[in-house]
Amino acid sequence: MPHRINQNTSSMVAIAVLSPEPENLKAAGLAAQLNIPVTPRSGDHEFLFSFEPEGLTLIHSDGAKPVLLRAEWLLGKAAHRQGQPEMVSRALGLRKLESPHVLDGTAGLGRDTMVLANLGARVTGVERSPFVFALLNDAWHRAMSDLT
């Protein structure tokens, strides 16, 4: 499970959790965790967290075309990287270690973390940003639910 270092979540940008339903407990829980508001519409905030069928998505809507950010480990480029002998595993010498434990101190969206885990390492990912951590945590929960 990813770990988050506690940090002040105050932000200089307008960010909220998008939820057309005012009583959505999932949206309210995320908003409380991040100390940001829930909004029923997208026009008032530059960044929005949205619960999409594919997973928690951060939407940047400051332009003609919205930019979507989601931590994804099981589809697309992330799936292609799984189990591949990558330069990061060579740099760490994973093949030479019996049961490696790696600390990923800048977990980000968890791509390297998952590659290393799929190569047999026990990995602890740490993410400083509570907003990126929310995406990372969502990806972890989705990956774990796919295993069961």
N, C-alpha and C. Protein backbone atom coordinates (compact mmCIF):
# COMPACT_ATOMS: atom_id res chain seq x y z
N MET A 1 0.84 -1.18 0.00
CA MET A 1 0.00 0.00 0.00
C MET A 1 0.89 1.24 0.00
N PRO A 2 0.56 2.24 -0.80
CA PRO A 2 1.35 3.46 -0.82
C PRO A 2 1.25 4.22 0.50
N HIS A 3 2.28 4.98 0.80
CA HIS A 3 2.30 5.79 2.01
C HIS A 3 2.37 7.25 1.62
N ARG A 4 1.72 8.10 2.40
CA ARG A 4 1.74 9.54 2.14
C ARG A 4 2.36 10.25 3.33
N ILE A 5 3.27 11.15 3.04
CA ILE A 5 3.82 11.99 4.08
C ILE A 5 2.83 13.11 4.31
N ASN A 6 2.43 13.34 5.55
CA ASN A 6 1.48 14.41 5.84
C ASN A 6 2.06 15.75 5.44
N GLN A 7 1.24 16.54 4.78
CA GLN A 7 1.67 17.86 4.34
C GLN A 7 0.47 18.76 4.27
N ASN A 8 0.70 20.03 4.45
CA ASN A 8 -0.37 21.02 4.33
C ASN A 8 -0.94 20.95 2.92
N THR A 9 -2.25 20.82 2.79
CA THR A 9 -2.86 20.68 1.47
C THR A 9 -3.36 21.99 0.90
N SER A 10 -3.03 23.10 1.55
CA SER A 10 -3.49 24.37 0.98
C SER A 10 -2.85 24.56 -0.38
N SER A 11 -3.58 25.18 -1.26
CA SER A 11 -3.12 25.28 -2.64
C SER A 11 -3.41 26.66 -3.19
N MET A 12 -2.60 27.06 -4.15
CA MET A 12 -2.79 28.36 -4.79
C MET A 12 -3.72 28.24 -5.99
N VAL A 13 -4.07 27.03 -6.39
CA VAL A 13 -4.95 26.84 -7.54
C VAL A 13 -6.32 26.39 -7.06
N ALA A 14 -7.31 26.63 -7.89
CA ALA A 14 -8.67 26.22 -7.56
C ALA A 14 -8.83 24.74 -7.88
N ILE A 15 -9.06 23.94 -6.84
CA ILE A 15 -9.20 22.50 -7.02
C ILE A 15 -10.37 22.02 -6.18
N ALA A 16 -11.13 21.05 -6.72
CA ALA A 16 -12.30 20.54 -6.02
C ALA A 16 -12.57 19.11 -6.48
N VAL A 17 -13.48 18.47 -5.80
CA VAL A 17 -13.97 17.15 -6.20
C VAL A 17 -15.30 17.36 -6.91
N LEU A 18 -15.39 16.88 -8.13
CA LEU A 18 -16.61 17.01 -8.92
C LEU A 18 -17.60 15.92 -8.54
N SER A 19 -18.80 16.32 -8.17
CA SER A 19 -19.86 15.37 -7.85
C SER A 19 -21.21 16.01 -8.09
N PRO A 20 -21.92 15.58 -9.13
CA PRO A 20 -23.25 16.12 -9.38
C PRO A 20 -24.23 15.80 -8.26
N GLU A 21 -23.94 14.74 -7.49
CA GLU A 21 -24.81 14.33 -6.38
C GLU A 21 -24.26 14.89 -5.08
N PRO A 22 -24.97 15.78 -4.42
CA PRO A 22 -24.46 16.43 -3.21
C PRO A 22 -24.19 15.47 -2.06
N GLU A 23 -24.85 14.34 -2.02
CA GLU A 23 -24.69 13.40 -0.91
C GLU A 23 -23.75 12.23 -1.23
N ASN A 24 -22.93 12.37 -2.26
CA ASN A 24 -22.00 11.31 -2.65
C ASN A 24 -20.93 11.14 -1.58
N LEU A 25 -20.96 10.01 -0.86
CA LEU A 25 -20.04 9.79 0.26
C LEU A 25 -18.59 9.64 -0.21
N LYS A 26 -18.39 9.03 -1.37
CA LYS A 26 -17.04 8.85 -1.90
C LYS A 26 -16.40 10.21 -2.19
N ALA A 27 -17.16 11.09 -2.84
CA ALA A 27 -16.67 12.43 -3.15
C ALA A 27 -16.44 13.22 -1.87
N ALA A 28 -17.36 13.13 -0.93
CA ALA A 28 -17.22 13.86 0.33
C ALA A 28 -16.00 13.37 1.12
N GLY A 29 -15.76 12.07 1.09
CA GLY A 29 -14.60 11.51 1.79
C GLY A 29 -13.29 12.00 1.21
N LEU A 30 -13.18 12.00 -0.12
CA LEU A 30 -11.96 12.48 -0.77
C LEU A 30 -11.78 13.98 -0.50
N ALA A 31 -12.85 14.74 -0.60
CA ALA A 31 -12.77 16.18 -0.34
C ALA A 31 -12.30 16.46 1.09
N ALA A 32 -12.81 15.71 2.05
CA ALA A 32 -12.40 15.88 3.44
C ALA A 32 -10.92 15.50 3.62
N GLN A 33 -10.51 14.41 2.98
CA GLN A 33 -9.12 13.95 3.08
C GLN A 33 -8.17 15.00 2.52
N LEU A 34 -8.54 15.65 1.43
CA LEU A 34 -7.67 16.62 0.78
C LEU A 34 -7.92 18.06 1.22
N ASN A 35 -8.95 18.25 2.05
CA ASN A 35 -9.32 19.58 2.52
C ASN A 35 -9.65 20.52 1.36
N ILE A 36 -10.47 20.01 0.44
CA ILE A 36 -10.93 20.78 -0.72
C ILE A 36 -12.45 20.64 -0.82
N PRO A 37 -13.12 21.54 -1.54
CA PRO A 37 -14.58 21.47 -1.62
C PRO A 37 -15.08 20.43 -2.63
N VAL A 38 -16.34 20.11 -2.51
CA VAL A 38 -17.06 19.32 -3.51
C VAL A 38 -17.88 20.31 -4.33
N THR A 39 -17.89 20.13 -5.64
CA THR A 39 -18.64 21.04 -6.50
C THR A 39 -19.52 20.23 -7.46
N PRO A 40 -20.72 20.71 -7.76
CA PRO A 40 -21.59 19.99 -8.69
C PRO A 40 -21.30 20.28 -10.17
N ARG A 41 -20.47 21.31 -10.44
CA ARG A 41 -20.19 21.66 -11.84
C ARG A 41 -18.71 22.00 -12.00
N SER A 42 -18.25 21.96 -13.23
CA SER A 42 -16.82 22.09 -13.48
C SER A 42 -16.34 23.51 -13.74
N GLY A 43 -17.19 24.47 -13.94
CA GLY A 43 -16.77 25.79 -14.38
C GLY A 43 -16.01 26.63 -13.37
N ASP A 44 -16.10 26.33 -12.08
CA ASP A 44 -15.53 27.20 -11.07
C ASP A 44 -14.11 26.85 -10.64
N HIS A 45 -13.57 25.73 -11.13
CA HIS A 45 -12.28 25.25 -10.64
C HIS A 45 -11.37 24.86 -11.82
N GLU A 46 -10.10 25.19 -11.67
CA GLU A 46 -9.12 24.85 -12.71
C GLU A 46 -8.82 23.36 -12.73
N PHE A 47 -8.79 22.73 -11.54
CA PHE A 47 -8.52 21.30 -11.42
C PHE A 47 -9.69 20.63 -10.71
N LEU A 48 -10.08 19.47 -11.20
CA LEU A 48 -11.17 18.71 -10.60
C LEU A 48 -10.79 17.24 -10.47
N PHE A 49 -11.07 16.67 -9.31
CA PHE A 49 -11.01 15.22 -9.17
C PHE A 49 -12.37 14.69 -9.57
N SER A 50 -12.38 13.66 -10.40
CA SER A 50 -13.64 13.07 -10.84
C SER A 50 -13.54 11.55 -10.74
N PHE A 51 -14.60 10.92 -10.23
CA PHE A 51 -14.66 9.47 -10.16
C PHE A 51 -15.20 8.95 -11.48
N GLU A 52 -14.30 8.52 -12.36
CA GLU A 52 -14.65 7.99 -13.67
C GLU A 52 -14.69 6.46 -13.59
N PRO A 53 -15.35 5.78 -14.55
CA PRO A 53 -15.35 4.31 -14.54
C PRO A 53 -13.94 3.71 -14.57
N GLU A 54 -12.99 4.40 -15.20
CA GLU A 54 -11.61 3.91 -15.31
C GLU A 54 -10.82 4.14 -14.03
N GLY A 55 -11.31 5.00 -13.14
CA GLY A 55 -10.62 5.29 -11.90
C GLY A 55 -10.63 6.77 -11.60
N LEU A 56 -10.11 7.12 -10.44
CA LEU A 56 -10.05 8.52 -10.04
C LEU A 56 -9.21 9.29 -11.04
N THR A 57 -9.74 10.41 -11.51
CA THR A 57 -9.08 11.20 -12.55
C THR A 57 -8.97 12.64 -12.10
N LEU A 58 -7.80 13.23 -12.33
CA LEU A 58 -7.62 14.66 -12.10
C LEU A 58 -7.73 15.34 -13.45
N ILE A 59 -8.65 16.28 -13.55
CA ILE A 59 -8.93 16.97 -14.81
C ILE A 59 -8.45 18.41 -14.70
N HIS A 60 -7.62 18.82 -15.64
CA HIS A 60 -7.19 20.22 -15.73
C HIS A 60 -7.98 20.84 -16.87
N SER A 61 -8.87 21.76 -16.54
CA SER A 61 -9.79 22.29 -17.54
C SER A 61 -9.55 23.77 -17.80
N ASP A 62 -8.29 24.15 -17.92
CA ASP A 62 -7.96 25.54 -18.17
C ASP A 62 -7.56 25.72 -19.64
N GLY A 63 -8.48 25.43 -20.52
CA GLY A 63 -8.19 25.54 -21.94
C GLY A 63 -9.28 24.91 -22.76
N ALA A 64 -9.04 24.81 -24.06
CA ALA A 64 -10.05 24.28 -24.96
C ALA A 64 -10.25 22.78 -24.75
N LYS A 65 -9.16 22.06 -24.52
CA LYS A 65 -9.25 20.61 -24.37
C LYS A 65 -8.79 20.22 -22.96
N PRO A 66 -9.64 19.57 -22.17
CA PRO A 66 -9.23 19.17 -20.82
C PRO A 66 -8.10 18.15 -20.85
N VAL A 67 -7.21 18.25 -19.88
CA VAL A 67 -6.11 17.30 -19.73
C VAL A 67 -6.46 16.38 -18.57
N LEU A 68 -6.40 15.07 -18.82
CA LEU A 68 -6.76 14.07 -17.80
C LEU A 68 -5.51 13.40 -17.26
N LEU A 69 -5.46 13.21 -15.95
CA LEU A 69 -4.35 12.52 -15.31
C LEU A 69 -4.91 11.43 -14.41
N ARG A 70 -4.44 10.22 -14.62
CA ARG A 70 -4.90 9.08 -13.82
C ARG A 70 -3.71 8.15 -13.62
N ALA A 71 -3.57 7.60 -12.44
CA ALA A 71 -2.56 6.57 -12.20
C ALA A 71 -3.11 5.26 -12.74
N GLU A 72 -2.41 4.69 -13.71
CA GLU A 72 -2.89 3.46 -14.34
C GLU A 72 -1.75 2.45 -14.42
N TRP A 73 -1.97 1.29 -13.85
CA TRP A 73 -0.94 0.25 -13.83
C TRP A 73 -1.29 -0.95 -14.68
N LEU A 74 -2.54 -1.10 -15.07
CA LEU A 74 -2.98 -2.34 -15.70
C LEU A 74 -3.29 -2.22 -17.17
N LEU A 75 -3.29 -0.99 -17.72
CA LEU A 75 -3.66 -0.78 -19.12
C LEU A 75 -2.60 0.05 -19.83
N GLY A 76 -2.61 0.03 -21.14
CA GLY A 76 -1.76 0.90 -21.95
C GLY A 76 -0.28 0.71 -21.73
N LYS A 77 0.46 1.82 -21.68
CA LYS A 77 1.91 1.78 -21.54
C LYS A 77 2.33 1.09 -20.25
N ALA A 78 1.56 1.29 -19.18
CA ALA A 78 1.91 0.69 -17.90
C ALA A 78 1.87 -0.83 -17.99
N ALA A 79 0.88 -1.37 -18.67
CA ALA A 79 0.78 -2.83 -18.82
C ALA A 79 1.93 -3.36 -19.65
N HIS A 80 2.34 -2.60 -20.65
CA HIS A 80 3.46 -3.02 -21.50
C HIS A 80 4.76 -3.10 -20.69
N ARG A 81 4.91 -2.22 -19.71
CA ARG A 81 6.14 -2.19 -18.92
C ARG A 81 6.23 -3.31 -17.89
N GLN A 82 5.10 -3.92 -17.53
CA GLN A 82 5.09 -4.93 -16.47
C GLN A 82 5.98 -6.11 -16.83
N GLY A 83 6.89 -6.43 -15.94
CA GLY A 83 7.74 -7.60 -16.11
C GLY A 83 8.88 -7.41 -17.10
N GLN A 84 9.03 -6.25 -17.67
CA GLN A 84 10.11 -5.99 -18.62
C GLN A 84 11.40 -5.70 -17.84
N PRO A 85 12.52 -6.26 -18.29
CA PRO A 85 13.79 -5.92 -17.62
C PRO A 85 14.19 -4.49 -18.00
N GLU A 86 13.93 -3.57 -17.12
CA GLU A 86 14.15 -2.16 -17.40
C GLU A 86 15.48 -1.68 -16.82
N MET A 87 15.88 -0.51 -17.27
CA MET A 87 17.14 0.06 -16.79
C MET A 87 17.10 0.30 -15.29
N VAL A 88 15.93 0.66 -14.75
CA VAL A 88 15.85 0.90 -13.30
C VAL A 88 16.15 -0.38 -12.53
N SER A 89 15.70 -1.53 -13.01
CA SER A 89 15.99 -2.79 -12.30
C SER A 89 17.47 -3.16 -12.44
N ARG A 90 18.05 -2.87 -13.58
CA ARG A 90 19.48 -3.12 -13.76
C ARG A 90 20.30 -2.19 -12.86
N ALA A 91 19.89 -0.93 -12.78
CA ALA A 91 20.62 0.04 -11.95
C ALA A 91 20.61 -0.37 -10.49
N LEU A 92 19.53 -0.99 -10.05
CA LEU A 92 19.42 -1.43 -8.66
C LEU A 92 20.03 -2.81 -8.44
N GLY A 93 20.36 -3.51 -9.51
CA GLY A 93 20.92 -4.84 -9.38
C GLY A 93 19.94 -5.85 -8.83
N LEU A 94 18.68 -5.77 -9.23
CA LEU A 94 17.64 -6.64 -8.68
C LEU A 94 17.92 -8.12 -8.91
N ARG A 95 18.48 -8.46 -10.04
CA ARG A 95 18.73 -9.89 -10.33
C ARG A 95 19.78 -10.49 -9.40
N LYS A 96 20.62 -9.64 -8.82
CA LYS A 96 21.68 -10.12 -7.94
C LYS A 96 21.22 -10.27 -6.50
N LEU A 97 20.05 -9.73 -6.18
CA LEU A 97 19.56 -9.74 -4.80
C LEU A 97 18.52 -10.84 -4.61
N GLU A 98 18.57 -11.50 -3.45
CA GLU A 98 17.66 -12.61 -3.18
C GLU A 98 16.22 -12.15 -2.95
N SER A 99 16.01 -11.22 -2.05
CA SER A 99 14.66 -10.68 -1.82
C SER A 99 14.77 -9.18 -1.57
N PRO A 100 14.89 -8.42 -2.65
CA PRO A 100 15.13 -6.97 -2.51
C PRO A 100 13.94 -6.21 -1.97
N HIS A 101 14.23 -5.19 -1.17
CA HIS A 101 13.22 -4.26 -0.69
C HIS A 101 13.68 -2.87 -1.13
N VAL A 102 12.85 -2.21 -1.92
CA VAL A 102 13.20 -0.92 -2.51
C VAL A 102 12.30 0.16 -1.93
N LEU A 103 12.89 1.30 -1.59
CA LEU A 103 12.12 2.47 -1.18
C LEU A 103 12.06 3.42 -2.36
N ASP A 104 10.86 3.64 -2.88
CA ASP A 104 10.65 4.60 -3.96
C ASP A 104 10.21 5.90 -3.30
N GLY A 105 11.15 6.79 -3.05
CA GLY A 105 10.88 8.01 -2.30
C GLY A 105 10.15 9.08 -3.08
N THR A 106 9.99 8.88 -4.36
CA THR A 106 9.22 9.80 -5.21
C THR A 106 8.27 8.97 -6.05
N ALA A 107 7.29 8.38 -5.42
CA ALA A 107 6.43 7.39 -6.08
C ALA A 107 5.66 7.96 -7.27
N GLY A 108 5.27 9.22 -7.20
CA GLY A 108 4.51 9.80 -8.31
C GLY A 108 3.26 8.98 -8.58
N LEU A 109 3.07 8.59 -9.84
CA LEU A 109 1.90 7.79 -10.21
C LEU A 109 2.17 6.29 -10.09
N GLY A 110 3.33 5.92 -9.57
CA GLY A 110 3.61 4.53 -9.24
C GLY A 110 4.09 3.64 -10.38
N ARG A 111 4.46 4.20 -11.50
CA ARG A 111 4.84 3.36 -12.64
C ARG A 111 6.11 2.55 -12.35
N ASP A 112 7.16 3.22 -11.87
CA ASP A 112 8.39 2.49 -11.54
C ASP A 112 8.16 1.53 -10.38
N THR A 113 7.35 1.95 -9.41
CA THR A 113 7.03 1.10 -8.27
C THR A 113 6.43 -0.22 -8.73
N MET A 114 5.48 -0.16 -9.65
CA MET A 114 4.83 -1.38 -10.13
C MET A 114 5.78 -2.23 -10.98
N VAL A 115 6.62 -1.61 -11.79
CA VAL A 115 7.59 -2.38 -12.57
C VAL A 115 8.50 -3.15 -11.63
N LEU A 116 9.02 -2.48 -10.61
CA LEU A 116 9.92 -3.14 -9.66
C LEU A 116 9.20 -4.25 -8.89
N ALA A 117 7.96 -4.01 -8.49
CA ALA A 117 7.19 -5.04 -7.78
C ALA A 117 6.97 -6.25 -8.68
N ASN A 118 6.66 -6.01 -9.94
CA ASN A 118 6.44 -7.13 -10.86
C ASN A 118 7.72 -7.87 -11.20
N LEU A 119 8.86 -7.26 -10.95
CA LEU A 119 10.14 -7.94 -11.14
C LEU A 119 10.58 -8.68 -9.89
N GLY A 120 9.74 -8.66 -8.85
CA GLY A 120 10.01 -9.45 -7.66
C GLY A 120 10.47 -8.67 -6.45
N ALA A 121 10.62 -7.37 -6.56
CA ALA A 121 11.05 -6.59 -5.41
C ALA A 121 9.86 -6.26 -4.51
N ARG A 122 10.13 -6.17 -3.23
CA ARG A 122 9.15 -5.62 -2.30
C ARG A 122 9.40 -4.12 -2.30
N VAL A 123 8.38 -3.33 -2.65
CA VAL A 123 8.57 -1.90 -2.86
C VAL A 123 7.68 -1.10 -1.92
N THR A 124 8.26 -0.10 -1.29
CA THR A 124 7.50 0.86 -0.51
C THR A 124 7.57 2.18 -1.27
N GLY A 125 6.40 2.65 -1.70
CA GLY A 125 6.34 3.92 -2.41
C GLY A 125 5.88 5.02 -1.47
N VAL A 126 6.54 6.16 -1.51
CA VAL A 126 6.20 7.30 -0.67
C VAL A 126 5.92 8.48 -1.60
N GLU A 127 4.80 9.15 -1.38
CA GLU A 127 4.45 10.31 -2.20
C GLU A 127 4.14 11.50 -1.30
N ARG A 128 4.78 12.62 -1.56
CA ARG A 128 4.63 13.83 -0.76
C ARG A 128 3.34 14.59 -1.05
N SER A 129 2.96 14.68 -2.31
CA SER A 129 1.78 15.45 -2.69
C SER A 129 0.51 14.69 -2.34
N PRO A 130 -0.38 15.28 -1.54
CA PRO A 130 -1.62 14.58 -1.20
C PRO A 130 -2.52 14.38 -2.43
N PHE A 131 -2.39 15.26 -3.42
CA PHE A 131 -3.23 15.15 -4.62
C PHE A 131 -2.75 13.99 -5.49
N VAL A 132 -1.45 13.88 -5.68
CA VAL A 132 -0.91 12.75 -6.44
C VAL A 132 -1.10 11.46 -5.66
N PHE A 133 -0.96 11.54 -4.33
CA PHE A 133 -1.19 10.35 -3.50
C PHE A 133 -2.60 9.81 -3.68
N ALA A 134 -3.59 10.70 -3.80
CA ALA A 134 -4.97 10.25 -4.00
C ALA A 134 -5.09 9.42 -5.28
N LEU A 135 -4.43 9.85 -6.35
CA LEU A 135 -4.44 9.09 -7.61
C LEU A 135 -3.70 7.77 -7.44
N LEU A 136 -2.56 7.81 -6.78
CA LEU A 136 -1.76 6.61 -6.53
C LEU A 136 -2.52 5.60 -5.69
N ASN A 137 -3.16 6.07 -4.65
CA ASN A 137 -3.93 5.20 -3.77
C ASN A 137 -5.10 4.55 -4.52
N ASP A 138 -5.76 5.31 -5.38
CA ASP A 138 -6.85 4.77 -6.19
C ASP A 138 -6.34 3.66 -7.11
N ALA A 139 -5.20 3.88 -7.75
CA ALA A 139 -4.63 2.86 -8.64
C ALA A 139 -4.28 1.60 -7.86
N TRP A 140 -3.74 1.77 -6.66
CA TRP A 140 -3.39 0.62 -5.84
C TRP A 140 -4.64 -0.19 -5.50
N HIS A 141 -5.71 0.49 -5.09
CA HIS A 141 -6.95 -0.22 -4.75
C HIS A 141 -7.54 -0.91 -5.97
N ARG A 142 -7.50 -0.28 -7.14
CA ARG A 142 -8.01 -0.92 -8.36
C ARG A 142 -7.17 -2.15 -8.72
N ALA A 143 -5.85 -2.04 -8.58
CA ALA A 143 -4.99 -3.18 -8.89
C ALA A 143 -5.25 -4.34 -7.93
N MET A 144 -5.43 -4.02 -6.65
CA MET A 144 -5.70 -5.08 -5.66
C MET A 144 -7.06 -5.74 -5.92
N SER A 145 -8.06 -4.97 -6.35
CA SER A 145 -9.36 -5.56 -6.62
C SER A 145 -9.32 -6.45 -7.87
N ASP A 146 -8.41 -6.15 -8.80
CA ASP A 146 -8.26 -7.01 -9.98
C ASP A 146 -7.62 -8.34 -9.63
N LEU A 147 -6.86 -8.39 -8.52
CA LEU A 147 -6.21 -9.64 -8.12
C LEU A 147 -7.17 -10.57 -7.40
N THR A 148 -8.28 -10.03 -6.89
CA THR A 148 -9.21 -10.88 -6.14
C THR A 148 -10.41 -11.26 -6.96
